[in-house]
Amino acid sequence: MKITEEEVLYVADLARLNLDAAAVERFAEQIGAILDYMDKLNEVDTQGVPPTSHAIFLNNAFREDGEPAHLDREAALANAPEKEDGGFVVPKVVG
């Protein structure tokens, strides 16, 4: 096991999690297995492989900027329960 039950309890305490003994043991085993698997990556020859931030190349995944169409006043007020002088009527909240 690469991680101790005390370490699991410490992290659980930081995350404010209450874990029973069975959960602590299970998490220690599972995290240990994950860390063992990650150690296999150290065996891979990465000489000459450039570091990447994404597995695939992304070229600006954002939408084009543009001015969106606005609702006209009548359409915005069409379903308003109460309206007055081109605006919504709402209950007064401040005394």
C-alpha atoms as a PDB file:
ATOM      1  CA  MET A   1       0.000   0.000   0.000  1.00  0.00           C
ATOM      2  CA  LYS A   2       1.452   3.364  -1.036  1.00  0.00           C
ATOM      3  CA  ILE A   3      -0.753   5.447   1.244  1.00  0.00           C
ATOM      4  CA  THR A   4      -1.398   4.814   4.911  1.00  0.00           C
ATOM      5  CA  GLU A   5      -4.738   4.850   6.639  1.00  0.00           C
ATOM      6  CA  GLU A   6      -3.458   7.770   8.728  1.00  0.00           C
ATOM      7  CA  GLU A   7      -2.886   9.757   5.521  1.00  0.00           C
ATOM      8  CA  VAL A   8      -6.413   8.937   4.346  1.00  0.00           C
ATOM      9  CA  LEU A   9      -7.778  10.106   7.697  1.00  0.00           C
ATOM     10  CA  TYR A  10      -5.723  13.303   7.481  1.00  0.00           C
ATOM     11  CA  VAL A  11      -7.071  14.152   4.017  1.00  0.00           C
ATOM     12  CA  ALA A  12     -10.593  13.201   5.092  1.00  0.00           C
ATOM     13  CA  ASP A  13     -10.261  15.577   8.038  1.00  0.00           C
ATOM     14  CA  LEU A  14      -9.126  18.392   5.717  1.00  0.00           C
ATOM     15  CA  ALA A  15     -12.167  17.702   3.529  1.00  0.00           C
ATOM     16  CA  ARG A  16     -14.380  17.476   6.628  1.00  0.00           C
ATOM     17  CA  LEU A  17     -15.427  13.915   5.784  1.00  0.00           C
ATOM     18  CA  ASN A  18     -16.422  11.382   8.406  1.00  0.00           C
ATOM     19  CA  LEU A  19     -15.223   7.975   7.241  1.00  0.00           C
ATOM     20  CA  ASP A  20     -15.744   4.669   9.006  1.00  0.00           C
ATOM     21  CA  ALA A  21     -12.895   2.159   9.315  1.00  0.00           C
ATOM     22  CA  ALA A  22     -14.042   0.145   6.283  1.00  0.00           C
ATOM     23  CA  ALA A  23     -14.097   3.247   4.073  1.00  0.00           C
ATOM     24  CA  VAL A  24     -10.656   4.329   5.262  1.00  0.00           C
ATOM     25  CA  GLU A  25      -9.220   0.901   4.425  1.00  0.00           C
ATOM     26  CA  ARG A  26     -10.980   0.829   1.039  1.00  0.00           C
ATOM     27  CA  PHE A  27      -9.767   4.335   0.113  1.00  0.00           C
ATOM     28  CA  ALA A  28      -6.205   3.510   1.178  1.00  0.00           C
ATOM     29  CA  GLU A  29      -6.240   0.455  -1.093  1.00  0.00           C
ATOM     30  CA  GLN A  30      -7.837   2.306  -4.015  1.00  0.00           C
ATOM     31  CA  ILE A  31      -5.522   5.323  -3.786  1.00  0.00           C
ATOM     32  CA  GLY A  32      -2.552   2.971  -3.431  1.00  0.00           C
ATOM     33  CA  ALA A  33      -3.600   1.155  -6.614  1.00  0.00           C
ATOM     34  CA  ILE A  34      -3.905   4.472  -8.460  1.00  0.00           C
ATOM     35  CA  LEU A  35      -0.427   5.529  -7.299  1.00  0.00           C
ATOM     36  CA  ASP A  36       1.007   2.141  -8.349  1.00  0.00           C
ATOM     37  CA  TYR A  37      -0.504   2.620 -11.804  1.00  0.00           C
ATOM     38  CA  MET A  38       0.912   6.139 -12.021  1.00  0.00           C
ATOM     39  CA  ASP A  39       4.388   4.740 -11.245  1.00  0.00           C
ATOM     40  CA  LYS A  40       4.165   2.807 -14.519  1.00  0.00           C
ATOM     41  CA  LEU A  41       4.303   6.134 -16.340  1.00  0.00           C
ATOM     42  CA  ASN A  42       7.853   6.577 -15.034  1.00  0.00           C
ATOM     43  CA  GLU A  43       8.821   3.514 -17.084  1.00  0.00           C
ATOM     44  CA  VAL A  44       7.679   5.085 -20.366  1.00  0.00           C
ATOM     45  CA  ASP A  45      10.424   6.614 -22.514  1.00  0.00           C
ATOM     46  CA  THR A  46       9.371  10.221 -23.079  1.00  0.00           C
ATOM     47  CA  GLN A  47      12.706  11.408 -24.502  1.00  0.00           C
ATOM     48  CA  GLY A  48      12.022  13.835 -27.340  1.00  0.00           C
ATOM     49  CA  VAL A  49       8.278  14.079 -26.648  1.00  0.00           C
ATOM     50  CA  PRO A  50       7.269  17.728 -26.238  1.00  0.00           C
ATOM     51  CA  PRO A  51       5.101  18.568 -23.233  1.00  0.00           C
ATOM     52  CA  THR A  52       1.440  19.161 -24.025  1.00  0.00           C
ATOM     53  CA  SER A  53      -1.434  20.779 -22.211  1.00  0.00           C
ATOM     54  CA  HIS A  54      -4.126  19.000 -24.271  1.00  0.00           C
ATOM     55  CA  ALA A  55      -4.293  15.589 -25.869  1.00  0.00           C
ATOM     56  CA  ILE A  56      -5.706  17.152 -29.032  1.00  0.00           C
ATOM     57  CA  PHE A  57      -4.956  20.465 -30.691  1.00  0.00           C
ATOM     58  CA  LEU A  58      -7.580  23.114 -29.999  1.00  0.00           C
ATOM     59  CA  ASN A  59      -7.779  26.318 -31.972  1.00  0.00           C
ATOM     60  CA  ASN A  60      -9.872  28.957 -30.184  1.00  0.00           C
ATOM     61  CA  ALA A  61     -12.916  27.043 -29.029  1.00  0.00           C
ATOM     62  CA  PHE A  62     -14.786  30.267 -28.286  1.00  0.00           C
ATOM     63  CA  ARG A  63     -17.633  31.679 -30.320  1.00  0.00           C
ATOM     64  CA  GLU A  64     -17.370  34.789 -32.408  1.00  0.00           C
ATOM     65  CA  ASP A  65     -18.025  38.040 -30.584  1.00  0.00           C
ATOM     66  CA  GLY A  66     -21.102  39.859 -31.705  1.00  0.00           C
ATOM     67  CA  GLU A  67     -23.909  42.016 -30.493  1.00  0.00           C
ATOM     68  CA  PRO A  68     -26.877  39.784 -29.653  1.00  0.00           C
ATOM     69  CA  ALA A  69     -30.380  40.822 -30.630  1.00  0.00           C
ATOM     70  CA  HIS A  70     -32.378  42.361 -27.796  1.00  0.00           C
ATOM     71  CA  LEU A  71     -36.040  41.816 -27.032  1.00  0.00           C
ATOM     72  CA  ASP A  72     -38.144  44.815 -27.826  1.00  0.00           C
ATOM     73  CA  ARG A  73     -39.974  46.336 -24.875  1.00  0.00           C
ATOM     74  CA  GLU A  74     -43.385  44.977 -25.869  1.00  0.00           C
ATOM     75  CA  ALA A  75     -42.106  41.401 -26.202  1.00  0.00           C
ATOM     76  CA  ALA A  76     -40.317  41.634 -22.822  1.00  0.00           C
ATOM     77  CA  LEU A  77     -43.468  42.904 -21.100  1.00  0.00           C
ATOM     78  CA  ALA A  78     -45.869  40.588 -22.948  1.00  0.00           C
ATOM     79  CA  ASN A  79     -46.226  38.082 -20.066  1.00  0.00           C
ATOM     80  CA  ALA A  80     -45.693  40.480 -17.173  1.00  0.00           C
ATOM     81  CA  PRO A  81     -48.487  40.192 -14.587  1.00  0.00           C
ATOM     82  CA  GLU A  82     -48.320  43.951 -14.013  1.00  0.00           C
ATOM     83  CA  LYS A  83     -46.724  46.690 -16.091  1.00  0.00           C
ATOM     84  CA  GLU A  84     -46.757  50.470 -16.009  1.00  0.00           C
ATOM     85  CA  ASP A  85     -45.118  53.145 -18.184  1.00  0.00           C
ATOM     86  CA  GLY A  86     -43.138  50.558 -20.155  1.00  0.00           C
ATOM     87  CA  GLY A  87     -41.692  48.784 -17.098  1.00  0.00           C
ATOM     88  CA  PHE A  88     -42.418  45.898 -14.745  1.00  0.00           C
ATOM     89  CA  VAL A  89     -44.426  46.574 -11.583  1.00  0.00           C
ATOM     90  CA  VAL A  90     -42.969  44.693  -8.606  1.00  0.00           C
ATOM     91  CA  PRO A  91     -43.807  44.721  -4.896  1.00  0.00           C
ATOM     92  CA  LYS A  92     -42.021  47.350  -2.836  1.00  0.00           C
ATOM     93  CA  VAL A  93     -39.258  45.772  -0.762  1.00  0.00           C
ATOM     94  CA  VAL A  94     -37.786  48.783   1.029  1.00  0.00           C
ATOM     95  CA  GLY A  95     -39.859  50.656   3.593  1.00  0.00           C
END
